[in-house]
Amino acid sequence: MKKLQYAITIHSRKETVWKTMLDSETYKLWTKAFCEGSYYEGSWDKGGKIRFLTPEGEGMFSTIAENRLFDFLSIKHLGIIKNGAEDTESPESKS
């Protein structure tokens, strides 16, 4: 499996960026750029399960591998959600 890591510099307080990215209502605003109406269900707590969904209820599910408040967040992709079902085995899910 290919491991991806991304970094970007944002000129704002890290608490502001953190809250904008993870609070339910502001998450919907910034994700609108690539999927209008997207939302999440679940917990950002370490070990928590989270589902990233489109308005149609499709998307992906993950676990929170690490969450160090205002510092670092690591998300482990587990699979996709298609037709309401979690899929970990299809080639699409594994990619």
C-alpha atoms as a PDB file:
ATOM      1  CA  MET A   1       0.000   0.000   0.000  1.00  0.00           C
ATOM      2  CA  LYS A   2       1.263   3.451  -0.898  1.00  0.00           C
ATOM      3  CA  LYS A   3       1.557   5.860   2.051  1.00  0.00           C
ATOM      4  CA  LEU A   4       0.722   9.493   1.332  1.00  0.00           C
ATOM      5  CA  GLN A   5       1.704  12.485   3.416  1.00  0.00           C
ATOM      6  CA  TYR A   6       0.835  16.102   2.715  1.00  0.00           C
ATOM      7  CA  ALA A   7       1.915  19.393   4.261  1.00  0.00           C
ATOM      8  CA  ILE A   8       0.991  23.031   3.660  1.00  0.00           C
ATOM      9  CA  THR A   9       1.795  26.307   5.401  1.00  0.00           C
ATOM     10  CA  ILE A  10      -1.224  28.389   6.394  1.00  0.00           C
ATOM     11  CA  HIS A  11      -0.715  31.838   7.886  1.00  0.00           C
ATOM     12  CA  SER A  12      -3.239  31.661  10.705  1.00  0.00           C
ATOM     13  CA  ARG A  13      -3.399  30.489  14.298  1.00  0.00           C
ATOM     14  CA  LYS A  14      -3.275  26.705  14.460  1.00  0.00           C
ATOM     15  CA  GLU A  15      -6.349  26.648  16.726  1.00  0.00           C
ATOM     16  CA  THR A  16      -8.337  28.526  14.069  1.00  0.00           C
ATOM     17  CA  VAL A  17      -7.214  26.176  11.295  1.00  0.00           C
ATOM     18  CA  TRP A  18      -7.922  23.102  13.436  1.00  0.00           C
ATOM     19  CA  LYS A  19     -11.447  24.218  14.308  1.00  0.00           C
ATOM     20  CA  THR A  20     -12.186  25.251  10.710  1.00  0.00           C
ATOM     21  CA  MET A  21     -11.129  21.869   9.400  1.00  0.00           C
ATOM     22  CA  LEU A  22     -12.789  19.675  12.016  1.00  0.00           C
ATOM     23  CA  ASP A  23     -15.907  21.438  13.337  1.00  0.00           C
ATOM     24  CA  SER A  24     -18.976  19.996  11.643  1.00  0.00           C
ATOM     25  CA  GLU A  25     -20.347  23.187  10.078  1.00  0.00           C
ATOM     26  CA  THR A  26     -17.043  24.676   8.882  1.00  0.00           C
ATOM     27  CA  TYR A  27     -15.921  21.276   7.546  1.00  0.00           C
ATOM     28  CA  LYS A  28     -18.862  21.501   5.130  1.00  0.00           C
ATOM     29  CA  LEU A  29     -17.683  24.929   3.957  1.00  0.00           C
ATOM     30  CA  TRP A  30     -14.090  24.046   3.083  1.00  0.00           C
ATOM     31  CA  THR A  31     -14.934  20.633   1.571  1.00  0.00           C
ATOM     32  CA  LYS A  32     -17.475  22.322  -0.704  1.00  0.00           C
ATOM     33  CA  ALA A  33     -14.545  23.057  -3.064  1.00  0.00           C
ATOM     34  CA  PHE A  34     -14.297  19.388  -4.054  1.00  0.00           C
ATOM     35  CA  CYS A  35     -17.674  17.909  -3.013  1.00  0.00           C
ATOM     36  CA  GLU A  36     -20.499  20.270  -2.181  1.00  0.00           C
ATOM     37  CA  GLY A  37     -22.672  18.912   0.593  1.00  0.00           C
ATOM     38  CA  SER A  38     -20.050  16.548   1.973  1.00  0.00           C
ATOM     39  CA  TYR A  39     -20.062  15.863   5.693  1.00  0.00           C
ATOM     40  CA  TYR A  40     -18.696  13.447   8.246  1.00  0.00           C
ATOM     41  CA  GLU A  41     -20.157  11.165  10.886  1.00  0.00           C
ATOM     42  CA  GLY A  42     -18.153   9.899  13.822  1.00  0.00           C
ATOM     43  CA  SER A  43     -15.393  10.969  16.119  1.00  0.00           C
ATOM     44  CA  TRP A  44     -12.071  12.749  15.645  1.00  0.00           C
ATOM     45  CA  ASP A  45     -10.802  11.090  18.850  1.00  0.00           C
ATOM     46  CA  LYS A  46      -7.812   8.752  18.570  1.00  0.00           C
ATOM     47  CA  GLY A  47      -9.140   5.276  17.787  1.00  0.00           C
ATOM     48  CA  GLY A  48     -12.502   6.678  16.687  1.00  0.00           C
ATOM     49  CA  LYS A  49     -14.255   5.565  13.520  1.00  0.00           C
ATOM     50  CA  ILE A  50     -15.263   8.283  11.076  1.00  0.00           C
ATOM     51  CA  ARG A  51     -17.201   8.263   7.815  1.00  0.00           C
ATOM     52  CA  PHE A  52     -16.633  10.920   5.138  1.00  0.00           C
ATOM     53  CA  LEU A  53     -19.790  11.114   3.048  1.00  0.00           C
ATOM     54  CA  THR A  54     -21.315  12.765  -0.004  1.00  0.00           C
ATOM     55  CA  PRO A  55     -24.902  14.064   0.072  1.00  0.00           C
ATOM     56  CA  GLU A  56     -25.893  10.716  -1.475  1.00  0.00           C
ATOM     57  CA  GLY A  57     -24.381   8.853   1.509  1.00  0.00           C
ATOM     58  CA  GLU A  58     -21.398   7.411  -0.332  1.00  0.00           C
ATOM     59  CA  GLY A  59     -17.759   7.983   0.537  1.00  0.00           C
ATOM     60  CA  MET A  60     -15.106   6.391   2.686  1.00  0.00           C
ATOM     61  CA  PHE A  61     -14.594   5.228   6.239  1.00  0.00           C
ATOM     62  CA  SER A  62     -11.510   5.502   8.368  1.00  0.00           C
ATOM     63  CA  THR A  63     -10.128   5.410  11.875  1.00  0.00           C
ATOM     64  CA  ILE A  64      -8.302   8.211  13.616  1.00  0.00           C
ATOM     65  CA  ALA A  65      -4.779   6.867  14.069  1.00  0.00           C
ATOM     66  CA  GLU A  66      -3.520   9.891  16.018  1.00  0.00           C
ATOM     67  CA  ASN A  67      -4.984  13.160  17.246  1.00  0.00           C
ATOM     68  CA  ARG A  68      -2.736  15.610  19.037  1.00  0.00           C
ATOM     69  CA  LEU A  69      -4.936  18.660  19.600  1.00  0.00           C
ATOM     70  CA  PHE A  70      -3.982  21.655  17.425  1.00  0.00           C
ATOM     71  CA  ASP A  71      -0.797  19.853  16.316  1.00  0.00           C
ATOM     72  CA  PHE A  72      -1.211  16.625  14.343  1.00  0.00           C
ATOM     73  CA  LEU A  73      -4.010  14.455  12.926  1.00  0.00           C
ATOM     74  CA  SER A  74      -3.487  11.093  11.220  1.00  0.00           C
ATOM     75  CA  ILE A  75      -6.344   9.277   9.485  1.00  0.00           C
ATOM     76  CA  LYS A  76      -6.119   5.620   8.403  1.00  0.00           C
ATOM     77  CA  HIS A  77      -8.289   4.806   5.388  1.00  0.00           C
ATOM     78  CA  LEU A  78     -10.159   1.503   5.800  1.00  0.00           C
ATOM     79  CA  GLY A  79     -12.471   1.355   2.807  1.00  0.00           C
ATOM     80  CA  ILE A  80     -15.257   2.922   0.803  1.00  0.00           C
ATOM     81  CA  ILE A  81     -19.002   3.220   1.331  1.00  0.00           C
ATOM     82  CA  LYS A  82     -21.082   2.392  -1.712  1.00  0.00           C
ATOM     83  CA  ASN A  83     -24.842   1.774  -1.810  1.00  0.00           C
ATOM     84  CA  GLY A  84     -24.862   2.143   1.979  1.00  0.00           C
ATOM     85  CA  ALA A  85     -22.390  -0.706   2.532  1.00  0.00           C
ATOM     86  CA  GLU A  86     -18.798  -0.581   3.772  1.00  0.00           C
ATOM     87  CA  ASP A  87     -16.377  -2.188   1.318  1.00  0.00           C
ATOM     88  CA  THR A  88     -12.775  -3.104   2.162  1.00  0.00           C
ATOM     89  CA  GLU A  89     -12.149  -5.729  -0.522  1.00  0.00           C
ATOM     90  CA  SER A  90     -12.830  -4.252  -3.968  1.00  0.00           C
ATOM     91  CA  PRO A  91      -9.967  -2.895  -6.091  1.00  0.00           C
ATOM     92  CA  GLU A  92     -11.609   0.542  -5.891  1.00  0.00           C
ATOM     93  CA  SER A  93     -11.533   0.413  -2.086  1.00  0.00           C
ATOM     94  CA  LYS A  94      -7.926  -0.784  -1.953  1.00  0.00           C
ATOM     95  CA  SER A  95      -6.754   2.014  -4.236  1.00  0.00           C
END
